[in-house]
PDB file of N, CA and C in Angstrom:
ATOM      1  N   UNK A   1      81.487  -6.410  61.535  1.00  0.00           N
ATOM      2  CA  UNK A   1      81.274  -6.399  60.102  1.00  0.00           C
ATOM      3  C   UNK A   1      79.853  -6.860  59.828  1.00  0.00           C
ATOM      4  N   UNK A   2      79.105  -6.146  58.945  1.00  0.00           N
ATOM      5  CA  UNK A   2      77.737  -6.535  58.664  1.00  0.00           C
ATOM      6  C   UNK A   2      77.672  -7.898  58.008  1.00  0.00           C
ATOM      7  N   UNK A   3      76.626  -8.602  58.329  1.00  0.00           N
ATOM      8  CA  UNK A   3      76.399  -9.914  57.749  1.00  0.00           C
ATOM      9  C   UNK A   3      76.060  -9.753  56.265  1.00  0.00           C
ATOM     10  N   UNK A   4      76.757 -10.463  55.416  1.00  0.00           N
ATOM     11  CA  UNK A   4      76.437 -10.399  53.987  1.00  0.00           C
ATOM     12  C   UNK A   4      75.434 -11.493  53.669  1.00  0.00           C
ATOM     13  N   UNK A   5      74.637 -11.217  52.686  1.00  0.00           N
ATOM     14  CA  UNK A   5      73.664 -12.221  52.269  1.00  0.00           C
ATOM     15  C   UNK A   5      73.824 -12.446  50.787  1.00  0.00           C
ATOM     16  N   UNK A   6      73.602 -13.660  50.372  1.00  0.00           N
ATOM     17  CA  UNK A   6      73.683 -13.959  48.949  1.00  0.00           C
ATOM     18  C   UNK A   6      72.281 -14.165  48.420  1.00  0.00           C
ATOM     19  N   UNK A   7      72.124 -13.850  47.177  1.00  0.00           N
ATOM     20  CA  UNK A   7      70.829 -14.002  46.527  1.00  0.00           C
ATOM     21  C   UNK A   7      70.995 -15.011  45.403  1.00  0.00           C
ATOM     22  N   UNK A   8      70.245 -16.082  45.487  1.00  0.00           N
ATOM     23  CA  UNK A   8      70.278 -17.102  44.443  1.00  0.00           C
ATOM     24  C   UNK A   8      69.017 -16.953  43.610  1.00  0.00           C
ATOM     25  N   UNK A   9      69.192 -16.495  42.401  1.00  0.00           N
ATOM     26  CA  UNK A   9      68.051 -16.254  41.530  1.00  0.00           C
ATOM     27  C   UNK A   9      67.723 -17.485  40.713  1.00  0.00           C
ATOM     28  N   UNK A  10      66.451 -17.756  40.586  1.00  0.00           N
ATOM     29  CA  UNK A  10      65.989 -18.852  39.748  1.00  0.00           C
ATOM     30  C   UNK A  10      65.616 -18.272  38.390  1.00  0.00           C
ATOM     31  N   UNK A  11      66.367 -18.587  37.342  1.00  0.00           N
ATOM     32  CA  UNK A  11      66.122 -17.957  36.048  1.00  0.00           C
ATOM     33  C   UNK A  11      64.776 -18.287  35.431  1.00  0.00           C
ATOM     34  N   UNK A  12      64.108 -19.331  35.881  1.00  0.00           N
ATOM     35  CA  UNK A  12      62.841 -19.705  35.272  1.00  0.00           C
ATOM     36  C   UNK A  12      61.640 -19.047  35.917  1.00  0.00           C
ATOM     37  N   UNK A  13      61.841 -18.341  37.007  1.00  0.00           N
ATOM     38  CA  UNK A  13      60.710 -17.767  37.721  1.00  0.00           C
ATOM     39  C   UNK A  13      60.980 -16.331  38.126  1.00  0.00           C
ATOM     40  N   UNK A  14      60.301 -15.389  37.439  1.00  0.00           N
ATOM     41  CA  UNK A  14      60.474 -13.974  37.797  1.00  0.00           C
ATOM     42  C   UNK A  14      59.996 -13.725  39.216  1.00  0.00           C
ATOM     43  N   UNK A  15      58.850 -14.298  39.567  1.00  0.00           N
ATOM     44  CA  UNK A  15      58.327 -14.131  40.916  1.00  0.00           C
ATOM     45  C   UNK A  15      59.251 -14.717  41.962  1.00  0.00           C
ATOM     46  N   UNK A  16      59.814 -15.876  41.649  1.00  0.00           N
ATOM     47  CA  UNK A  16      60.762 -16.502  42.563  1.00  0.00           C
ATOM     48  C   UNK A  16      62.008 -15.670  42.718  1.00  0.00           C
ATOM     49  N   UNK A  17      62.457 -15.056  41.644  1.00  0.00           N
ATOM     50  CA  UNK A  17      63.644 -14.215  41.699  1.00  0.00           C
ATOM     51  C   UNK A  17      63.409 -12.999  42.576  1.00  0.00           C
ATOM     52  N   UNK A  18      62.267 -12.373  42.429  1.00  0.00           N
ATOM     53  CA  UNK A  18      61.947 -11.211  43.263  1.00  0.00           C
ATOM     54  C   UNK A  18      61.856 -11.630  44.727  1.00  0.00           C
ATOM     55  N   UNK A  19      61.205 -12.751  44.977  1.00  0.00           N
ATOM     56  CA  UNK A  19      61.084 -13.241  46.347  1.00  0.00           C
ATOM     57  C   UNK A  19      62.456 -13.527  46.943  1.00  0.00           C
ATOM     58  N   UNK A  20      63.371 -14.068  46.143  1.00  0.00           N
ATOM     59  CA  UNK A  20      64.716 -14.363  46.631  1.00  0.00           C
ATOM     60  C   UNK A  20      65.449 -13.081  47.005  1.00  0.00           C
ATOM     61  N   UNK A  21      65.261 -12.045  46.230  1.00  0.00           N
ATOM     62  CA  UNK A  21      65.917 -10.766  46.511  1.00  0.00           C
ATOM     63  C   UNK A  21      65.370 -10.160  47.801  1.00  0.00           C
ATOM     64  N   UNK A  22      64.079 -10.315  48.028  1.00  0.00           N
ATOM     65  CA  UNK A  22      63.426  -9.723  49.200  1.00  0.00           C
ATOM     66  C   UNK A  22      63.555 -10.571  50.451  1.00  0.00           C
ATOM     67  N   UNK A  23      63.952 -11.822  50.282  1.00  0.00           N
ATOM     68  CA  UNK A  23      64.035 -12.761  51.391  1.00  0.00           C
ATOM     69  C   UNK A  23      64.959 -12.230  52.485  1.00  0.00           C
ATOM     70  N   UNK A  24      64.503 -12.310  53.700  1.00  0.00           N
ATOM     71  CA  UNK A  24      65.269 -11.944  54.895  1.00  0.00           C
ATOM     72  C   UNK A  24      65.528 -10.453  55.062  1.00  0.00           C
ATOM     73  N   UNK A  25      64.835  -9.592  54.318  1.00  0.00           N
ATOM     74  CA  UNK A  25      64.965  -8.156  54.559  1.00  0.00           C
ATOM     75  C   UNK A  25      64.065  -7.776  55.730  1.00  0.00           C
ATOM     76  N   UNK A  26      64.591  -6.975  56.640  1.00  0.00           N
ATOM     77  CA  UNK A  26      63.743  -6.523  57.736  1.00  0.00           C
ATOM     78  C   UNK A  26      62.805  -5.425  57.229  1.00  0.00           C
ATOM     79  N   UNK A  27      61.841  -5.038  58.046  1.00  0.00           N
ATOM     80  CA  UNK A  27      60.816  -4.082  57.620  1.00  0.00           C
ATOM     81  C   UNK A  27      61.424  -2.739  57.205  1.00  0.00           C
ATOM     82  N   UNK A  28      62.430  -2.289  57.906  1.00  0.00           N
ATOM     83  CA  UNK A  28      63.063  -1.006  57.596  1.00  0.00           C
ATOM     84  C   UNK A  28      63.682  -1.029  56.198  1.00  0.00           C
ATOM     85  N   UNK A  29      64.401  -2.077  55.874  1.00  0.00           N
ATOM     86  CA  UNK A  29      65.029  -2.201  54.563  1.00  0.00           C
ATOM     87  C   UNK A  29      63.978  -2.368  53.471  1.00  0.00           C
ATOM     88  N   UNK A  30      62.946  -3.136  53.767  1.00  0.00           N
ATOM     89  CA  UNK A  30      61.870  -3.337  52.798  1.00  0.00           C
ATOM     90  C   UNK A  30      61.131  -2.032  52.529  1.00  0.00           C
ATOM     91  N   UNK A  31      60.879  -1.252  53.584  1.00  0.00           N
ATOM     92  CA  UNK A  31      60.180   0.023  53.406  1.00  0.00           C
ATOM     93  C   UNK A  31      61.033   1.003  52.595  1.00  0.00           C
ATOM     94  N   UNK A  32      62.314   1.030  52.856  1.00  0.00           N
ATOM     95  CA  UNK A  32      63.208   1.895  52.073  1.00  0.00           C
ATOM     96  C   UNK A  32      63.179   1.503  50.603  1.00  0.00           C
ATOM     97  N   UNK A  33      63.246   0.213  50.349  1.00  0.00           N
ATOM     98  CA  UNK A  33      63.183  -0.290  48.979  1.00  0.00           C
ATOM     99  C   UNK A  33      61.842   0.063  48.340  1.00  0.00           C
ATOM    100  N   UNK A  34      60.762  -0.100  49.090  1.00  0.00           N
ATOM    101  CA  UNK A  34      59.424   0.220  48.578  1.00  0.00           C
ATOM    102  C   UNK A  34      59.319   1.701  48.208  1.00  0.00           C
ATOM    103  N   UNK A  35      59.847   2.575  49.039  1.00  0.00           N
ATOM    104  CA  UNK A  35      59.794   4.014  48.747  1.00  0.00           C
ATOM    105  C   UNK A  35      60.546   4.338  47.462  1.00  0.00           C
ATOM    106  N   UNK A  36      61.716   3.745  47.295  1.00  0.00           N
ATOM    107  CA  UNK A  36      62.492   3.990  46.074  1.00  0.00           C
ATOM    108  C   UNK A  36      61.782   3.440  44.842  1.00  0.00           C
ATOM    109  N   UNK A  37      61.164   2.288  44.984  1.00  0.00           N
ATOM    110  CA  UNK A  37      60.432   1.685  43.867  1.00  0.00           C
ATOM    111  C   UNK A  37      59.204   2.527  43.512  1.00  0.00           C
ATOM    112  N   UNK A  38      58.533   3.061  44.508  1.00  0.00           N
ATOM    113  CA  UNK A  38      57.376   3.930  44.251  1.00  0.00           C
ATOM    114  C   UNK A  38      57.822   5.197  43.531  1.00  0.00           C
ATOM    115  N   UNK A  39      58.921   5.784  43.973  1.00  0.00           N
ATOM    116  CA  UNK A  39      59.446   6.970  43.288  1.00  0.00           C
ATOM    117  C   UNK A  39      59.756   6.657  41.824  1.00  0.00           C
ATOM    118  N   UNK A  40      60.396   5.525  41.600  1.00  0.00           N
ATOM    119  CA  UNK A  40      60.734   5.131  40.231  1.00  0.00           C
ATOM    120  C   UNK A  40      59.474   4.883  39.402  1.00  0.00           C
ATOM    121  N   UNK A  41      58.471   4.261  39.996  1.00  0.00           N
ATOM    122  CA  UNK A  41      57.220   4.009  39.273  1.00  0.00           C
ATOM    123  C   UNK A  41      56.546   5.321  38.896  1.00  0.00           C
ATOM    124  N   UNK A  42      56.576   6.268  39.791  1.00  0.00           N
ATOM    125  CA  UNK A  42      55.968   7.568  39.505  1.00  0.00           C
ATOM    126  C   UNK A  42      56.748   8.320  38.436  1.00  0.00           C
ATOM    127  N   UNK A  43      58.085   8.173  38.433  1.00  0.00           N
ATOM    128  CA  UNK A  43      58.898   8.782  37.386  1.00  0.00           C
ATOM    129  C   UNK A  43      58.548   8.176  36.020  1.00  0.00           C
ATOM    130  N   UNK A  44      58.373   6.868  35.996  1.00  0.00           N
ATOM    131  CA  UNK A  44      58.004   6.196  34.750  1.00  0.00           C
ATOM    132  C   UNK A  44      56.616   6.648  34.282  1.00  0.00           C
ATOM    133  N   UNK A  45      55.700   6.820  35.209  1.00  0.00           N
ATOM    134  CA  UNK A  45      54.374   7.311  34.869  1.00  0.00           C
ATOM    135  C   UNK A  45      54.456   8.719  34.289  1.00  0.00           C
ATOM    136  N   UNK A  46      55.242   9.572  34.910  1.00  0.00           N
ATOM    137  CA  UNK A  46      55.417  10.941  34.403  1.00  0.00           C
ATOM    138  C   UNK A  46      56.000  10.939  32.993  1.00  0.00           C
ATOM    139  N   UNK A  47      56.979  10.070  32.748  1.00  0.00           N
ATOM    140  CA  UNK A  47      57.573   9.977  31.408  1.00  0.00           C
ATOM    141  C   UNK A  47      56.533   9.563  30.378  1.00  0.00           C
ATOM    142  N   UNK A  48      55.757   8.539  30.704  1.00  0.00           N
ATOM    143  CA  UNK A  48      54.720   8.071  29.778  1.00  0.00           C
ATOM    144  C   UNK A  48      53.668   9.156  29.560  1.00  0.00           C
ATOM    145  N   UNK A  49      53.280   9.848  30.621  1.00  0.00           N
ATOM    146  CA  UNK A  49      52.289  10.910  30.507  1.00  0.00           C
ATOM    147  C   UNK A  49      52.794  12.047  29.633  1.00  0.00           C
ATOM    148  N   UNK A  50      54.054  12.400  29.787  1.00  0.00           N
ATOM    149  CA  UNK A  50      54.652  13.458  28.981  1.00  0.00           C
ATOM    150  C   UNK A  50      54.615  13.103  27.490  1.00  0.00           C
ATOM    151  N   UNK A  51      54.952  11.866  27.169  1.00  0.00           N
ATOM    152  CA  UNK A  51      54.900  11.426  25.775  1.00  0.00           C
ATOM    153  C   UNK A  51      53.456  11.407  25.264  1.00  0.00           C
ATOM    154  N   UNK A  52      52.527  10.943  26.112  1.00  0.00           N
ATOM    155  CA  UNK A  52      51.123  10.936  25.720  1.00  0.00           C
ATOM    156  C   UNK A  52      50.626  12.352  25.447  1.00  0.00           C
ATOM    157  N   UNK A  53      50.986  13.282  26.325  1.00  0.00           N
ATOM    158  CA  UNK A  53      50.585  14.676  26.126  1.00  0.00           C
ATOM    159  C   UNK A  53      51.147  15.223  24.824  1.00  0.00           C
ATOM    160  N   UNK A  54      52.371  14.881  24.541  1.00  0.00           N
ATOM    161  CA  UNK A  54      52.984  15.328  23.287  1.00  0.00           C
ATOM    162  C   UNK A  54      52.241  14.758  22.079  1.00  0.00           C
ATOM    163  N   UNK A  55      51.857  13.502  22.159  1.00  0.00           N
ATOM    164  CA  UNK A  55      51.112  12.872  21.065  1.00  0.00           C
ATOM    165  C   UNK A  55      49.729  13.499  20.911  1.00  0.00           C
ATOM    166  N   UNK A  56      49.107  13.819  22.021  1.00  0.00           N
ATOM    167  CA  UNK A  56      47.749  14.373  22.003  1.00  0.00           C
ATOM    168  C   UNK A  56      47.704  15.819  21.538  1.00  0.00           C
ATOM    169  N   UNK A  57      48.742  16.578  21.845  1.00  0.00           N
ATOM    170  CA  UNK A  57      48.719  18.012  21.581  1.00  0.00           C
ATOM    171  C   UNK A  57      49.448  18.448  20.319  1.00  0.00           C
ATOM    172  N   UNK A  58      50.173  17.536  19.687  1.00  0.00           N
ATOM    173  CA  UNK A  58      50.956  17.897  18.506  1.00  0.00           C
ATOM    174  C   UNK A  58      50.327  17.272  17.269  1.00  0.00           C
ATOM    175  N   UNK A  59      49.692  18.078  16.420  1.00  0.00           N
ATOM    176  CA  UNK A  59      49.055  17.534  15.220  1.00  0.00           C
ATOM    177  C   UNK A  59      50.038  16.797  14.313  1.00  0.00           C
ATOM    178  N   UNK A  60      51.296  17.155  14.369  1.00  0.00           N
ATOM    179  CA  UNK A  60      52.298  16.483  13.541  1.00  0.00           C
ATOM    180  C   UNK A  60      52.491  15.028  13.955  1.00  0.00           C
ATOM    181  N   UNK A  61      52.117  14.701  15.184  1.00  0.00           N
ATOM    182  CA  UNK A  61      52.299  13.332  15.669  1.00  0.00           C
ATOM    183  C   UNK A  61      51.307  12.353  15.054  1.00  0.00           C
ATOM    184  N   UNK A  62      50.300  12.860  14.402  1.00  0.00           N
ATOM    185  CA  UNK A  62      49.367  11.969  13.714  1.00  0.00           C
ATOM    186  C   UNK A  62      49.806  11.735  12.276  1.00  0.00           C
ATOM    187  N   UNK A  63      50.768  12.521  11.820  1.00  0.00           N
ATOM    188  CA  UNK A  63      51.268  12.384  10.458  1.00  0.00           C
ATOM    189  C   UNK A  63      52.152  11.146  10.361  1.00  0.00           C
ATOM    190  N   UNK A  64      52.337  10.699   9.141  1.00  0.00           N
ATOM    191  CA  UNK A  64      53.170   9.532   8.902  1.00  0.00           C
ATOM    192  C   UNK A  64      54.592   9.988   8.584  1.00  0.00           C
ATOM    193  N   UNK A  65      55.345  10.301   9.626  1.00  0.00           N
ATOM    194  CA  UNK A  65      56.728  10.708   9.419  1.00  0.00           C
ATOM    195  C   UNK A  65      57.619  10.068  10.483  1.00  0.00           C
ATOM    196  N   UNK A  66      58.919  10.188  10.292  1.00  0.00           N
ATOM    197  CA  UNK A  66      59.880   9.526  11.174  1.00  0.00           C
ATOM    198  C   UNK A  66      59.808  10.052  12.600  1.00  0.00           C
ATOM    199  N   UNK A  67      59.614  11.366  12.773  1.00  0.00           N
ATOM    200  CA  UNK A  67      59.554  11.931  14.123  1.00  0.00           C
ATOM    201  C   UNK A  67      58.332  11.403  14.876  1.00  0.00           C
ATOM    202  N   UNK A  68      57.191  11.370  14.208  1.00  0.00           N
ATOM    203  CA  UNK A  68      55.978  10.846  14.842  1.00  0.00           C
ATOM    204  C   UNK A  68      56.145   9.367  15.190  1.00  0.00           C
ATOM    205  N   UNK A  69      56.738   8.613  14.278  1.00  0.00           N
ATOM    206  CA  UNK A  69      56.983   7.190  14.559  1.00  0.00           C
ATOM    207  C   UNK A  69      57.875   7.010  15.781  1.00  0.00           C
ATOM    208  N   UNK A  70      58.871   7.856  15.904  1.00  0.00           N
ATOM    209  CA  UNK A  70      59.794   7.772  17.042  1.00  0.00           C
ATOM    210  C   UNK A  70      59.077   8.088  18.354  1.00  0.00           C
ATOM    211  N   UNK A  71      58.218   9.095  18.344  1.00  0.00           N
ATOM    212  CA  UNK A  71      57.471   9.444  19.551  1.00  0.00           C
ATOM    213  C   UNK A  71      56.525   8.304  19.934  1.00  0.00           C
ATOM    214  N   UNK A  72      55.823   7.753  18.944  1.00  0.00           N
ATOM    215  CA  UNK A  72      54.937   6.617  19.216  1.00  0.00           C
ATOM    216  C   UNK A  72      55.733   5.428  19.768  1.00  0.00           C
ATOM    217  N   UNK A  73      56.888   5.163  19.190  1.00  0.00           N
ATOM    218  CA  UNK A  73      57.741   4.074  19.674  1.00  0.00           C
ATOM    219  C   UNK A  73      58.134   4.322  21.133  1.00  0.00           C
ATOM    220  N   UNK A  74      58.587   5.526  21.429  1.00  0.00           N
ATOM    221  CA  UNK A  74      59.007   5.863  22.795  1.00  0.00           C
ATOM    222  C   UNK A  74      57.846   5.770  23.779  1.00  0.00           C
ATOM    223  N   UNK A  75      56.653   6.151  23.337  1.00  0.00           N
ATOM    224  CA  UNK A  75      55.470   6.061  24.195  1.00  0.00           C
ATOM    225  C   UNK A  75      55.140   4.598  24.499  1.00  0.00           C
ATOM    226  N   UNK A  76      55.138   3.755  23.460  1.00  0.00           N
ATOM    227  CA  UNK A  76      54.853   2.328  23.681  1.00  0.00           C
ATOM    228  C   UNK A  76      55.891   1.700  24.599  1.00  0.00           C
ATOM    229  N   UNK A  77      57.158   2.047  24.380  1.00  0.00           N
ATOM    230  CA  UNK A  77      58.222   1.529  25.232  1.00  0.00           C
ATOM    231  C   UNK A  77      58.040   2.002  26.674  1.00  0.00           C
ATOM    232  N   UNK A  78      57.700   3.258  26.857  1.00  0.00           N
ATOM    233  CA  UNK A  78      57.470   3.796  28.205  1.00  0.00           C
ATOM    234  C   UNK A  78      56.327   3.057  28.900  1.00  0.00           C
ATOM    235  N   UNK A  79      55.259   2.761  28.160  1.00  0.00           N
ATOM    236  CA  UNK A  79      54.141   2.014  28.743  1.00  0.00           C
ATOM    237  C   UNK A  79      54.559   0.606  29.142  1.00  0.00           C
ATOM    238  N   UNK A  80      55.298  -0.061  28.264  1.00  0.00           N
ATOM    239  CA  UNK A  80      55.762  -1.415  28.576  1.00  0.00           C
ATOM    240  C   UNK A  80      56.657  -1.430  29.812  1.00  0.00           C
ATOM    241  N   UNK A  81      57.575  -0.492  29.873  1.00  0.00           N
ATOM    242  CA  UNK A  81      58.493  -0.436  31.003  1.00  0.00           C
ATOM    243  C   UNK A  81      57.758  -0.090  32.299  1.00  0.00           C
ATOM    244  N   UNK A  82      56.770   0.779  32.197  1.00  0.00           N
ATOM    245  CA  UNK A  82      55.984   1.139  33.369  1.00  0.00           C
ATOM    246  C   UNK A  82      55.189  -0.080  33.860  1.00  0.00           C
ATOM    247  N   UNK A  83      54.576  -0.802  32.927  1.00  0.00           N
ATOM    248  CA  UNK A  83      53.796  -1.991  33.311  1.00  0.00           C
ATOM    249  C   UNK A  83      54.688  -3.063  33.921  1.00  0.00           C
ATOM    250  N   UNK A  84      55.860  -3.283  33.341  1.00  0.00           N
ATOM    251  CA  UNK A  84      56.785  -4.279  33.877  1.00  0.00           C
ATOM    252  C   UNK A  84      57.264  -3.875  35.268  1.00  0.00           C
ATOM    253  N   UNK A  85      57.584  -2.607  35.442  1.00  0.00           N
ATOM    254  CA  UNK A  85      58.047  -2.123  36.740  1.00  0.00           C
ATOM    255  C   UNK A  85      56.937  -2.200  37.782  1.00  0.00           C
ATOM    256  N   UNK A  86      55.692  -2.065  37.337  1.00  0.00           N
ATOM    257  CA  UNK A  86      54.557  -2.167  38.251  1.00  0.00           C
ATOM    258  C   UNK A  86      54.541  -3.529  38.953  1.00  0.00           C
ATOM    259  N   UNK A  87      54.932  -4.577  38.240  1.00  0.00           N
ATOM    260  CA  UNK A  87      54.973  -5.907  38.841  1.00  0.00           C
ATOM    261  C   UNK A  87      55.984  -5.958  39.984  1.00  0.00           C
ATOM    262  N   UNK A  88      57.105  -5.283  39.813  1.00  0.00           N
ATOM    263  CA  UNK A  88      58.120  -5.226  40.862  1.00  0.00           C
ATOM    264  C   UNK A  88      57.576  -4.455  42.065  1.00  0.00           C
ATOM    265  N   UNK A  89      56.982  -3.298  41.798  1.00  0.00           N
ATOM    266  CA  UNK A  89      56.416  -2.492  42.877  1.00  0.00           C
ATOM    267  C   UNK A  89      55.362  -3.281  43.644  1.00  0.00           C
ATOM    268  N   UNK A  90      54.517  -3.962  42.923  1.00  0.00           N
ATOM    269  CA  UNK A  90      53.457  -4.751  43.547  1.00  0.00           C
ATOM    270  C   UNK A  90      54.025  -5.852  44.446  1.00  0.00           C
ATOM    271  N   UNK A  91      55.043  -6.540  43.965  1.00  0.00           N
ATOM    272  CA  UNK A  91      55.648  -7.615  44.758  1.00  0.00           C
ATOM    273  C   UNK A  91      56.263  -7.076  46.047  1.00  0.00           C
ATOM    274  N   UNK A  92      56.925  -5.946  45.965  1.00  0.00           N
ATOM    275  CA  UNK A  92      57.563  -5.369  47.154  1.00  0.00           C
ATOM    276  C   UNK A  92      56.516  -4.882  48.143  1.00  0.00           C
ATOM    277  N   UNK A  93      55.469  -4.240  47.642  1.00  0.00           N
ATOM    278  CA  UNK A  93      54.411  -3.762  48.538  1.00  0.00           C
ATOM    279  C   UNK A  93      53.656  -4.924  49.167  1.00  0.00           C
ATOM    280  N   UNK A  94      53.450  -5.993  48.407  1.00  0.00           N
ATOM    281  CA  UNK A  94      52.813  -7.190  48.978  1.00  0.00           C
ATOM    282  C   UNK A  94      53.659  -7.761  50.112  1.00  0.00           C
ATOM    283  N   UNK A  95      54.972  -7.808  49.889  1.00  0.00           N
ATOM    284  CA  UNK A  95      55.872  -8.329  50.918  1.00  0.00           C
ATOM    285  C   UNK A  95      55.873  -7.427  52.149  1.00  0.00           C
ATOM    286  N   UNK A  96      55.863  -6.120  51.931  1.00  0.00           N
ATOM    287  CA  UNK A  96      55.867  -5.164  53.042  1.00  0.00           C
ATOM    288  C   UNK A  96      54.537  -5.189  53.787  1.00  0.00           C
ATOM    289  N   UNK A  97      53.449  -5.317  53.050  1.00  0.00           N
ATOM    290  CA  UNK A  97      52.134  -5.407  53.679  1.00  0.00           C
ATOM    291  C   UNK A  97      51.383  -4.082  53.782  1.00  0.00           C
ATOM    292  N   UNK A  98      52.003  -3.026  53.338  1.00  0.00           N
ATOM    293  CA  UNK A  98      51.347  -1.716  53.349  1.00  0.00           C
ATOM    294  C   UNK A  98      52.081  -0.795  52.380  1.00  0.00           C
ATOM    295  N   UNK A  99      51.433   0.331  52.066  1.00  0.00           N
ATOM    296  CA  UNK A  99      52.055   1.327  51.199  1.00  0.00           C
ATOM    297  C   UNK A  99      52.636   2.413  52.102  1.00  0.00           C
ATOM    298  N   UNK A 100      53.943   2.556  52.083  1.00  0.00           N
ATOM    299  CA  UNK A 100      54.549   3.558  52.969  1.00  0.00           C
ATOM    300  C   UNK A 100      54.325   4.970  52.453  1.00  0.00           C
ATOM    301  N   UNK A 101      54.412   5.918  53.361  1.00  0.00           N
ATOM    302  CA  UNK A 101      54.364   7.330  52.979  1.00  0.00           C
ATOM    303  C   UNK A 101      55.688   7.651  52.311  1.00  0.00           C
ATOM    304  N   UNK A 102      55.613   8.224  51.115  1.00  0.00           N
ATOM    305  CA  UNK A 102      56.817   8.504  50.341  1.00  0.00           C
ATOM    306  C   UNK A 102      57.046  10.000  50.307  1.00  0.00           C
ATOM    307  N   UNK A 103      58.196  10.414  50.804  1.00  0.00           N
ATOM    308  CA  UNK A 103      58.529  11.838  50.791  1.00  0.00           C
ATOM    309  C   UNK A 103      59.429  12.144  49.604  1.00  0.00           C
ATOM    310  N   UNK A 104      59.529  13.412  49.299  1.00  0.00           N
ATOM    311  CA  UNK A 104      60.442  13.844  48.270  1.00  0.00           C
ATOM    312  C   UNK A 104      60.001  13.544  46.860  1.00  0.00           C
ATOM    313  N   UNK A 105      58.707  13.469  46.626  1.00  0.00           N
ATOM    314  CA  UNK A 105      58.225  13.197  45.279  1.00  0.00           C
ATOM    315  C   UNK A 105      57.779  14.498  44.642  1.00  0.00           C
ATOM    316  N   UNK A 106      58.387  14.793  43.535  1.00  0.00           N
ATOM    317  CA  UNK A 106      58.004  15.982  42.787  1.00  0.00           C
ATOM    318  C   UNK A 106      57.167  15.536  41.602  1.00  0.00           C
ATOM    319  N   UNK A 107      55.981  16.057  41.511  1.00  0.00           N
ATOM    320  CA  UNK A 107      55.081  15.711  40.404  1.00  0.00           C
ATOM    321  C   UNK A 107      54.995  16.875  39.448  1.00  0.00           C
ATOM    322  N   UNK A 108      55.004  16.566  38.161  1.00  0.00           N
ATOM    323  CA  UNK A 108      54.795  17.610  37.169  1.00  0.00           C
ATOM    324  C   UNK A 108      53.335  18.002  37.171  1.00  0.00           C
ATOM    325  N   UNK A 109      53.092  19.253  36.994  1.00  0.00           N
ATOM    326  CA  UNK A 109      51.704  19.731  36.947  1.00  0.00           C
ATOM    327  C   UNK A 109      51.301  20.015  35.533  1.00  0.00           C
TER     328      UNK A 109
END
């Protein structure tokens, strides 16, 4: 039976919580986690870029209406979520010590 591990999170320290989650992971598990986190970060970037493109290319988005406000709200939220997730990606890559080659990434053109 595989050895189970418990994670004790410290609610006062985000960095400590991430470190606790990563504690005792071997390189293979850490690299797998890093690849998934990189994929997620790139997905978040694509989402934010898509909203930015919509704001840039749609003259109606500069108007003062509910639809434009909603797009701006979604764009700001996407940026915040991307920036917050970047901290997670950075912590995992720092722990791993290198950026792994990530396969299976589809980028929008």
